């Protein structure tokens, strides 16, 4: 339930940007939540980018293991790498990890 994005929340976020980066857990629930979030966010007009965490189960564990600076680098590098890809392609890549 903690990862459930509501359309009203997406509309509130849309006031501030046309692009959004999401980073959910890499387990099955996180992947399902990512797919739902993409649908909701694209539905209100966002361009959605997905950051995939490797070598950790979630953002918190990644930061504890590797530090905040490394997490920032992950976001920067993945954002560049995924910038031109379709979101559905990203989802299939996440599932293959």
C-alpha atoms as a PDB file:
ATOM      1  CA  UNK A   1       0.000   0.000   0.000  1.00  0.00           C
ATOM      2  CA  UNK A   2       2.901   2.382   0.638  1.00  0.00           C
ATOM      3  CA  UNK A   3       3.717   2.571  -3.069  1.00  0.00           C
ATOM      4  CA  UNK A   4       0.208   3.211  -4.321  1.00  0.00           C
ATOM      5  CA  UNK A   5       0.031   6.450  -6.308  1.00  0.00           C
ATOM      6  CA  UNK A   6      -3.353   8.078  -6.653  1.00  0.00           C
ATOM      7  CA  UNK A   7      -4.475  10.142  -9.684  1.00  0.00           C
ATOM      8  CA  UNK A   8      -5.137  13.145  -7.401  1.00  0.00           C
ATOM      9  CA  UNK A   9      -1.519  13.014  -6.228  1.00  0.00           C
ATOM     10  CA  UNK A  10      -0.325  12.900  -9.834  1.00  0.00           C
ATOM     11  CA  UNK A  11      -2.413  15.969 -10.650  1.00  0.00           C
ATOM     12  CA  UNK A  12      -0.876  17.838  -7.718  1.00  0.00           C
ATOM     13  CA  UNK A  13       2.626  16.946  -8.878  1.00  0.00           C
ATOM     14  CA  UNK A  14       1.767  18.003 -12.428  1.00  0.00           C
ATOM     15  CA  UNK A  15       1.431  21.597 -11.206  1.00  0.00           C
ATOM     16  CA  UNK A  16       5.205  21.695 -10.766  1.00  0.00           C
ATOM     17  CA  UNK A  17       6.661  19.756 -13.693  1.00  0.00           C
ATOM     18  CA  UNK A  18       6.000  18.027 -17.003  1.00  0.00           C
ATOM     19  CA  UNK A  19       8.603  15.326 -16.331  1.00  0.00           C
ATOM     20  CA  UNK A  20       8.964  12.965 -13.394  1.00  0.00           C
ATOM     21  CA  UNK A  21      11.469  10.341 -12.289  1.00  0.00           C
ATOM     22  CA  UNK A  22      10.162   7.378 -10.302  1.00  0.00           C
ATOM     23  CA  UNK A  23      12.170   4.810  -8.403  1.00  0.00           C
ATOM     24  CA  UNK A  24      10.197   1.957  -6.872  1.00  0.00           C
ATOM     25  CA  UNK A  25      11.484  -1.264  -5.297  1.00  0.00           C
ATOM     26  CA  UNK A  26      12.763  -3.995  -7.624  1.00  0.00           C
ATOM     27  CA  UNK A  27      10.556  -6.756  -6.201  1.00  0.00           C
ATOM     28  CA  UNK A  28       7.374  -7.953  -7.940  1.00  0.00           C
ATOM     29  CA  UNK A  29       5.191  -5.530  -5.969  1.00  0.00           C
ATOM     30  CA  UNK A  30       7.483  -2.628  -6.856  1.00  0.00           C
ATOM     31  CA  UNK A  31       7.463  -3.520 -10.539  1.00  0.00           C
ATOM     32  CA  UNK A  32       3.656  -3.751 -10.514  1.00  0.00           C
ATOM     33  CA  UNK A  33       3.488  -0.394  -8.716  1.00  0.00           C
ATOM     34  CA  UNK A  34       5.868   1.092 -11.292  1.00  0.00           C
ATOM     35  CA  UNK A  35       3.612  -0.048 -14.144  1.00  0.00           C
ATOM     36  CA  UNK A  36       0.533   1.425 -12.439  1.00  0.00           C
ATOM     37  CA  UNK A  37       2.334   4.665 -11.632  1.00  0.00           C
ATOM     38  CA  UNK A  38       3.463   5.046 -15.254  1.00  0.00           C
ATOM     39  CA  UNK A  39      -0.132   4.655 -16.438  1.00  0.00           C
ATOM     40  CA  UNK A  40      -1.409   7.222 -13.919  1.00  0.00           C
ATOM     41  CA  UNK A  41       1.401   9.717 -14.512  1.00  0.00           C
ATOM     42  CA  UNK A  42       1.253   9.486 -18.291  1.00  0.00           C
ATOM     43  CA  UNK A  43      -2.520   9.792 -18.006  1.00  0.00           C
ATOM     44  CA  UNK A  44      -2.161  13.285 -16.547  1.00  0.00           C
ATOM     45  CA  UNK A  45       0.471  14.276 -19.113  1.00  0.00           C
ATOM     46  CA  UNK A  46       3.832  13.520 -17.504  1.00  0.00           C
ATOM     47  CA  UNK A  47       6.861  12.280 -19.353  1.00  0.00           C
ATOM     48  CA  UNK A  48       7.913   9.475 -16.992  1.00  0.00           C
ATOM     49  CA  UNK A  49      11.430   8.169 -16.420  1.00  0.00           C
ATOM     50  CA  UNK A  50      12.152   5.077 -14.339  1.00  0.00           C
ATOM     51  CA  UNK A  51      15.298   4.529 -12.297  1.00  0.00           C
ATOM     52  CA  UNK A  52      16.135   0.910 -11.563  1.00  0.00           C
ATOM     53  CA  UNK A  53      18.073   0.071  -8.408  1.00  0.00           C
ATOM     54  CA  UNK A  54      20.565  -2.753  -8.680  1.00  0.00           C
ATOM     55  CA  UNK A  55      22.519  -4.392  -5.864  1.00  0.00           C
ATOM     56  CA  UNK A  56      19.898  -3.413  -3.264  1.00  0.00           C
ATOM     57  CA  UNK A  57      16.238  -4.161  -2.638  1.00  0.00           C
ATOM     58  CA  UNK A  58      15.191  -0.501  -2.417  1.00  0.00           C
ATOM     59  CA  UNK A  59      16.432   3.087  -2.255  1.00  0.00           C
ATOM     60  CA  UNK A  60      17.023   3.017   1.496  1.00  0.00           C
ATOM     61  CA  UNK A  61      19.192  -0.087   1.360  1.00  0.00           C
ATOM     62  CA  UNK A  62      21.115   1.299  -1.627  1.00  0.00           C
ATOM     63  CA  UNK A  63      21.909   4.555   0.203  1.00  0.00           C
ATOM     64  CA  UNK A  64      22.927   2.688   3.363  1.00  0.00           C
ATOM     65  CA  UNK A  65      25.246   0.404   1.351  1.00  0.00           C
ATOM     66  CA  UNK A  66      26.710   2.871  -1.128  1.00  0.00           C
ATOM     67  CA  UNK A  67      25.894   6.373   0.140  1.00  0.00           C
ATOM     68  CA  UNK A  68      23.749   9.266  -1.032  1.00  0.00           C
ATOM     69  CA  UNK A  69      26.354  10.472  -3.525  1.00  0.00           C
ATOM     70  CA  UNK A  70      26.294   7.105  -5.307  1.00  0.00           C
ATOM     71  CA  UNK A  71      22.474   7.186  -5.374  1.00  0.00           C
ATOM     72  CA  UNK A  72      22.607  10.622  -6.981  1.00  0.00           C
ATOM     73  CA  UNK A  73      25.033   9.242  -9.588  1.00  0.00           C
ATOM     74  CA  UNK A  74      22.685   6.325 -10.242  1.00  0.00           C
ATOM     75  CA  UNK A  75      19.859   8.767 -10.920  1.00  0.00           C
ATOM     76  CA  UNK A  76      22.005  10.923 -13.191  1.00  0.00           C
ATOM     77  CA  UNK A  77      23.397   7.962 -15.137  1.00  0.00           C
ATOM     78  CA  UNK A  78      20.113   6.066 -15.485  1.00  0.00           C
ATOM     79  CA  UNK A  79      18.263   9.229 -16.430  1.00  0.00           C
ATOM     80  CA  UNK A  80      20.696   9.839 -19.276  1.00  0.00           C
ATOM     81  CA  UNK A  81      20.589   6.178 -20.310  1.00  0.00           C
ATOM     82  CA  UNK A  82      16.791   5.904 -20.282  1.00  0.00           C
ATOM     83  CA  UNK A  83      15.961   9.389 -21.529  1.00  0.00           C
ATOM     84  CA  UNK A  84      15.188   8.290 -25.082  1.00  0.00           C
ATOM     85  CA  UNK A  85      13.623   4.886 -24.345  1.00  0.00           C
ATOM     86  CA  UNK A  86       9.925   4.103 -24.169  1.00  0.00           C
ATOM     87  CA  UNK A  87       8.706   3.385 -20.629  1.00  0.00           C
ATOM     88  CA  UNK A  88       7.385  -0.045 -21.535  1.00  0.00           C
ATOM     89  CA  UNK A  89      10.862  -1.048 -22.689  1.00  0.00           C
ATOM     90  CA  UNK A  90      12.244   0.080 -19.322  1.00  0.00           C
ATOM     91  CA  UNK A  91       9.747  -2.111 -17.468  1.00  0.00           C
ATOM     92  CA  UNK A  92      10.855  -5.162 -19.428  1.00  0.00           C
ATOM     93  CA  UNK A  93      14.498  -4.326 -18.628  1.00  0.00           C
ATOM     94  CA  UNK A  94      13.689  -4.052 -14.912  1.00  0.00           C
ATOM     95  CA  UNK A  95      12.043  -7.462 -14.973  1.00  0.00           C
ATOM     96  CA  UNK A  96      15.125  -9.028 -16.527  1.00  0.00           C
ATOM     97  CA  UNK A  97      17.405  -8.050 -13.576  1.00  0.00           C
END
